[in-house]
Amino acid sequence: MRHLDIDSETARELDPELTAWGSAVKTNAILADIFDVLAMINANLCAIGSGKKAKTPKKYARPGDKDKKKIGKNALPPDELRAWFDKKRKEHNKSKQEEANRQ
């Protein structure tokens, strides 16, 4: 029991706080945050030396970053969004009703 891997179910049950801090996911997240801070410090130091405004460096890639896509520029106002959902709901219910009537 003393030599269990920190990611094992038993270790998580015995000491959940320790396993949360000791997991590879947590460590990787902390390292990525440190990388981002150091990149920002480096950009600021370069800007001080050149007299120009600091460029914001790219953040270290994290899992799932590629999945976050922005579609369009502006969100629909709430009233229009509600109307669109109501329209789609009615269309869906109508098609289900027609299918039930055919059977």
N, C-alpha and C. Protein backbone atom coordinates (compact mmCIF):
# COMPACT_ATOMS: atom_id res chain seq x y z
N MET A 1 0.82 -1.20 0.00
CA MET A 1 0.00 0.00 0.00
C MET A 1 0.86 1.27 0.00
N ARG A 2 2.05 1.21 0.56
CA ARG A 2 2.90 2.39 0.64
C ARG A 2 3.49 2.77 -0.71
N HIS A 3 3.59 1.81 -1.61
CA HIS A 3 4.25 2.06 -2.88
C HIS A 3 3.28 2.14 -4.04
N LEU A 4 2.06 2.48 -3.76
CA LEU A 4 1.06 2.62 -4.83
C LEU A 4 1.37 3.82 -5.71
N ASP A 5 1.03 3.69 -6.96
CA ASP A 5 1.16 4.83 -7.87
C ASP A 5 0.18 5.91 -7.43
N ILE A 6 0.59 7.14 -7.54
CA ILE A 6 -0.24 8.25 -7.04
C ILE A 6 -1.55 8.39 -7.82
N ASP A 7 -1.58 7.86 -9.05
CA ASP A 7 -2.79 7.94 -9.86
C ASP A 7 -3.72 6.74 -9.68
N SER A 8 -3.38 5.83 -8.77
CA SER A 8 -4.22 4.64 -8.58
C SER A 8 -5.50 5.00 -7.84
N GLU A 9 -6.51 4.17 -8.03
CA GLU A 9 -7.80 4.39 -7.37
C GLU A 9 -7.65 4.35 -5.85
N THR A 10 -6.84 3.41 -5.35
CA THR A 10 -6.67 3.28 -3.90
C THR A 10 -6.00 4.52 -3.32
N ALA A 11 -4.96 5.02 -3.98
CA ALA A 11 -4.29 6.22 -3.50
C ALA A 11 -5.24 7.41 -3.51
N ARG A 12 -6.07 7.50 -4.55
CA ARG A 12 -7.04 8.60 -4.60
C ARG A 12 -8.05 8.50 -3.47
N GLU A 13 -8.42 7.29 -3.11
CA GLU A 13 -9.38 7.09 -2.02
C GLU A 13 -8.74 7.42 -0.67
N LEU A 14 -7.48 7.03 -0.48
CA LEU A 14 -6.82 7.25 0.80
C LEU A 14 -6.45 8.71 1.03
N ASP A 15 -5.98 9.40 0.00
CA ASP A 15 -5.54 10.79 0.16
C ASP A 15 -5.86 11.59 -1.10
N PRO A 16 -7.12 12.00 -1.27
CA PRO A 16 -7.53 12.68 -2.50
C PRO A 16 -6.80 13.99 -2.75
N GLU A 17 -6.48 14.73 -1.69
CA GLU A 17 -5.80 16.02 -1.88
C GLU A 17 -4.40 15.82 -2.43
N LEU A 18 -3.67 14.86 -1.88
CA LEU A 18 -2.32 14.59 -2.34
C LEU A 18 -2.32 14.10 -3.79
N THR A 19 -3.25 13.22 -4.14
CA THR A 19 -3.27 12.70 -5.51
C THR A 19 -3.67 13.77 -6.50
N ALA A 20 -4.51 14.72 -6.09
CA ALA A 20 -4.89 15.81 -6.99
C ALA A 20 -3.67 16.68 -7.31
N TRP A 21 -2.85 16.93 -6.30
CA TRP A 21 -1.66 17.77 -6.51
C TRP A 21 -0.52 17.00 -7.16
N GLY A 22 -0.50 15.70 -7.00
CA GLY A 22 0.60 14.92 -7.52
C GLY A 22 0.37 14.34 -8.90
N SER A 23 -0.77 14.58 -9.47
CA SER A 23 -1.06 13.98 -10.77
C SER A 23 -0.28 14.67 -11.88
N ALA A 24 -0.05 13.93 -12.94
CA ALA A 24 0.68 14.46 -14.10
C ALA A 24 -0.10 15.60 -14.76
N VAL A 25 -1.41 15.52 -14.75
CA VAL A 25 -2.23 16.57 -15.36
C VAL A 25 -2.02 17.89 -14.64
N LYS A 26 -2.05 17.86 -13.33
CA LYS A 26 -1.85 19.07 -12.53
C LYS A 26 -0.45 19.63 -12.76
N THR A 27 0.54 18.75 -12.76
CA THR A 27 1.92 19.18 -12.97
C THR A 27 2.09 19.82 -14.34
N ASN A 28 1.52 19.20 -15.37
CA ASN A 28 1.62 19.74 -16.72
C ASN A 28 0.93 21.09 -16.83
N ALA A 29 -0.21 21.25 -16.16
CA ALA A 29 -0.92 22.53 -16.20
C ALA A 29 -0.08 23.63 -15.53
N ILE A 30 0.54 23.30 -14.40
CA ILE A 30 1.38 24.27 -13.71
C ILE A 30 2.58 24.65 -14.56
N LEU A 31 3.21 23.66 -15.19
CA LEU A 31 4.36 23.94 -16.04
C LEU A 31 3.97 24.81 -17.24
N ALA A 32 2.81 24.56 -17.82
CA ALA A 32 2.36 25.39 -18.94
C ALA A 32 2.11 26.83 -18.49
N ASP A 33 1.55 27.00 -17.29
CA ASP A 33 1.33 28.35 -16.75
C ASP A 33 2.66 29.06 -16.51
N ILE A 34 3.65 28.33 -15.98
CA ILE A 34 4.97 28.92 -15.75
C ILE A 34 5.60 29.33 -17.08
N PHE A 35 5.47 28.49 -18.10
CA PHE A 35 5.99 28.81 -19.42
C PHE A 35 5.36 30.10 -19.94
N ASP A 36 4.04 30.24 -19.79
CA ASP A 36 3.35 31.44 -20.27
C ASP A 36 3.84 32.70 -19.55
N VAL A 37 4.02 32.60 -18.23
CA VAL A 37 4.49 33.76 -17.46
C VAL A 37 5.91 34.14 -17.87
N LEU A 38 6.78 33.14 -18.03
CA LEU A 38 8.15 33.44 -18.44
C LEU A 38 8.20 34.04 -19.85
N ALA A 39 7.35 33.56 -20.74
CA ALA A 39 7.31 34.12 -22.09
C ALA A 39 6.86 35.58 -22.04
N MET A 40 5.91 35.90 -21.18
CA MET A 40 5.44 37.29 -21.05
C MET A 40 6.54 38.17 -20.45
N ILE A 41 7.24 37.66 -19.44
CA ILE A 41 8.35 38.42 -18.85
C ILE A 41 9.42 38.68 -19.90
N ASN A 42 9.74 37.66 -20.69
CA ASN A 42 10.75 37.80 -21.74
C ASN A 42 10.32 38.85 -22.76
N ALA A 43 9.04 38.82 -23.17
CA ALA A 43 8.53 39.81 -24.14
C ALA A 43 8.62 41.21 -23.56
N ASN A 44 8.30 41.36 -22.28
CA ASN A 44 8.38 42.68 -21.64
C ASN A 44 9.81 43.18 -21.55
N LEU A 45 10.74 42.30 -21.23
CA LEU A 45 12.15 42.69 -21.15
C LEU A 45 12.69 43.09 -22.53
N CYS A 46 12.30 42.36 -23.56
CA CYS A 46 12.71 42.72 -24.92
C CYS A 46 12.14 44.07 -25.32
N ALA A 47 10.90 44.34 -24.91
CA ALA A 47 10.26 45.61 -25.25
C ALA A 47 10.95 46.76 -24.53
N ILE A 48 11.34 46.55 -23.30
CA ILE A 48 12.04 47.61 -22.55
C ILE A 48 13.35 47.95 -23.26
N GLY A 49 14.05 46.93 -23.71
CA GLY A 49 15.33 47.16 -24.37
C GLY A 49 15.18 47.84 -25.72
N SER A 50 14.08 47.58 -26.42
CA SER A 50 13.91 48.16 -27.75
C SER A 50 13.13 49.46 -27.74
N GLY A 51 12.42 49.74 -26.66
CA GLY A 51 11.62 50.95 -26.58
C GLY A 51 10.27 50.82 -27.26
N LYS A 52 9.93 49.60 -27.71
CA LYS A 52 8.64 49.36 -28.38
C LYS A 52 7.68 48.70 -27.40
N LYS A 53 6.41 48.64 -27.82
CA LYS A 53 5.39 47.98 -27.01
C LYS A 53 5.61 46.47 -27.06
N ALA A 54 5.41 45.80 -25.93
CA ALA A 54 5.61 44.35 -25.85
C ALA A 54 4.55 43.62 -26.66
N LYS A 55 4.99 42.62 -27.43
CA LYS A 55 4.07 41.77 -28.17
C LYS A 55 3.61 40.66 -27.23
N THR A 56 2.34 40.35 -27.28
CA THR A 56 1.82 39.27 -26.46
C THR A 56 2.25 37.94 -27.06
N PRO A 57 3.00 37.14 -26.30
CA PRO A 57 3.46 35.86 -26.86
C PRO A 57 2.31 34.85 -26.92
N LYS A 58 2.49 33.83 -27.78
CA LYS A 58 1.50 32.76 -27.86
C LYS A 58 1.56 31.94 -26.59
N LYS A 59 0.40 31.51 -26.13
CA LYS A 59 0.36 30.65 -24.96
C LYS A 59 0.82 29.25 -25.33
N TYR A 60 1.34 28.54 -24.36
CA TYR A 60 1.74 27.15 -24.56
C TYR A 60 0.49 26.35 -24.90
N ALA A 61 0.57 25.52 -25.92
CA ALA A 61 -0.61 24.75 -26.36
C ALA A 61 -1.05 23.77 -25.27
N ARG A 62 -2.34 23.78 -25.03
CA ARG A 62 -2.93 22.87 -24.06
C ARG A 62 -3.89 21.93 -24.78
N PRO A 63 -4.16 20.77 -24.19
CA PRO A 63 -5.13 19.86 -24.82
C PRO A 63 -6.49 20.53 -24.95
N GLY A 64 -7.09 20.39 -26.09
CA GLY A 64 -8.41 20.96 -26.31
C GLY A 64 -8.39 22.36 -26.90
N ASP A 65 -7.22 23.00 -26.98
CA ASP A 65 -7.15 24.35 -27.53
C ASP A 65 -7.58 24.37 -29.00
N LYS A 66 -7.25 23.31 -29.74
CA LYS A 66 -7.58 23.27 -31.16
C LYS A 66 -9.08 23.14 -31.38
N ASP A 67 -9.79 22.58 -30.39
CA ASP A 67 -11.22 22.37 -30.54
C ASP A 67 -12.03 23.65 -30.37
N LYS A 68 -11.43 24.66 -29.77
CA LYS A 68 -12.15 25.90 -29.51
C LYS A 68 -12.10 26.78 -30.75
N LYS A 69 -13.18 26.75 -31.51
CA LYS A 69 -13.23 27.54 -32.73
C LYS A 69 -14.28 28.64 -32.55
N LYS A 70 -13.95 29.80 -33.03
CA LYS A 70 -14.91 30.88 -33.02
C LYS A 70 -15.64 30.87 -34.35
N ILE A 71 -16.93 30.87 -34.30
CA ILE A 71 -17.72 30.88 -35.51
C ILE A 71 -18.50 32.18 -35.54
N GLY A 72 -18.28 32.98 -36.55
CA GLY A 72 -18.97 34.25 -36.65
C GLY A 72 -18.33 35.30 -35.76
N LYS A 73 -18.83 36.52 -35.89
CA LYS A 73 -18.25 37.62 -35.13
C LYS A 73 -19.13 38.06 -33.97
N ASN A 74 -20.42 38.11 -34.21
CA ASN A 74 -21.32 38.65 -33.19
C ASN A 74 -22.34 37.60 -32.77
N ALA A 75 -22.65 37.60 -31.51
CA ALA A 75 -23.68 36.70 -31.00
C ALA A 75 -25.05 37.27 -31.32
N LEU A 76 -26.03 36.37 -31.41
CA LEU A 76 -27.41 36.83 -31.62
C LEU A 76 -27.92 37.48 -30.34
N PRO A 77 -28.71 38.52 -30.49
CA PRO A 77 -29.35 39.08 -29.29
C PRO A 77 -30.25 38.01 -28.66
N PRO A 78 -30.44 38.06 -27.36
CA PRO A 78 -31.22 37.02 -26.67
C PRO A 78 -32.62 36.80 -27.25
N ASP A 79 -33.31 37.88 -27.63
CA ASP A 79 -34.67 37.73 -28.18
C ASP A 79 -34.64 36.96 -29.49
N GLU A 80 -33.68 37.27 -30.35
CA GLU A 80 -33.59 36.57 -31.64
C GLU A 80 -33.21 35.11 -31.43
N LEU A 81 -32.33 34.85 -30.47
CA LEU A 81 -31.92 33.48 -30.18
C LEU A 81 -33.11 32.66 -29.67
N ARG A 82 -33.89 33.25 -28.77
CA ARG A 82 -35.08 32.56 -28.26
C ARG A 82 -36.06 32.28 -29.38
N ALA A 83 -36.26 33.25 -30.27
CA ALA A 83 -37.18 33.06 -31.39
C ALA A 83 -36.69 31.94 -32.31
N TRP A 84 -35.36 31.91 -32.54
CA TRP A 84 -34.80 30.87 -33.40
C TRP A 84 -35.00 29.49 -32.77
N PHE A 85 -34.75 29.37 -31.45
CA PHE A 85 -34.95 28.09 -30.77
C PHE A 85 -36.42 27.68 -30.81
N ASP A 86 -37.33 28.63 -30.59
CA ASP A 86 -38.76 28.31 -30.65
C ASP A 86 -39.16 27.80 -32.02
N LYS A 87 -38.64 28.46 -33.06
CA LYS A 87 -38.94 28.04 -34.43
C LYS A 87 -38.44 26.62 -34.68
N LYS A 88 -37.20 26.34 -34.28
CA LYS A 88 -36.62 25.01 -34.47
C LYS A 88 -37.38 23.96 -33.67
N ARG A 89 -37.78 24.30 -32.46
CA ARG A 89 -38.53 23.37 -31.62
C ARG A 89 -39.86 23.02 -32.26
N LYS A 90 -40.55 24.04 -32.80
CA LYS A 90 -41.85 23.80 -33.46
C LYS A 90 -41.66 22.93 -34.69
N GLU A 91 -40.62 23.20 -35.49
CA GLU A 91 -40.35 22.39 -36.67
C GLU A 91 -40.08 20.94 -36.27
N HIS A 92 -39.30 20.76 -35.22
CA HIS A 92 -38.96 19.42 -34.76
C HIS A 92 -40.21 18.69 -34.27
N ASN A 93 -41.02 19.37 -33.46
CA ASN A 93 -42.25 18.76 -32.94
C ASN A 93 -43.22 18.43 -34.07
N LYS A 94 -43.29 19.31 -35.06
CA LYS A 94 -44.19 19.09 -36.20
C LYS A 94 -43.76 17.86 -36.98
N SER A 95 -42.45 17.71 -37.23
CA SER A 95 -41.97 16.56 -37.98
C SER A 95 -42.18 15.27 -37.18
N LYS A 96 -42.03 15.32 -35.87
CA LYS A 96 -42.27 14.14 -35.04
C LYS A 96 -43.75 13.77 -35.07
N GLN A 97 -44.62 14.78 -35.04
CA GLN A 97 -46.06 14.54 -35.07
C GLN A 97 -46.47 13.93 -36.40
N GLU A 98 -45.92 14.46 -37.50
CA GLU A 98 -46.22 13.91 -38.83
C GLU A 98 -45.75 12.47 -38.94
N GLU A 99 -44.58 12.17 -38.39
CA GLU A 99 -44.06 10.81 -38.43
C GLU A 99 -44.95 9.87 -37.61
N ALA A 100 -45.43 10.35 -36.47
CA ALA A 100 -46.33 9.53 -35.63
C ALA A 100 -47.66 9.29 -36.34
N ASN A 101 -48.13 10.30 -37.08
CA ASN A 101 -49.40 10.15 -37.80
C ASN A 101 -49.29 9.15 -38.94
N ARG A 102 -48.10 9.09 -39.59
CA ARG A 102 -47.88 8.16 -40.69
C ARG A 102 -47.87 6.72 -40.20
N GLN A 103 -47.47 6.51 -38.96
CA GLN A 103 -47.39 5.15 -38.43
C GLN A 103 -48.72 4.77 -37.89
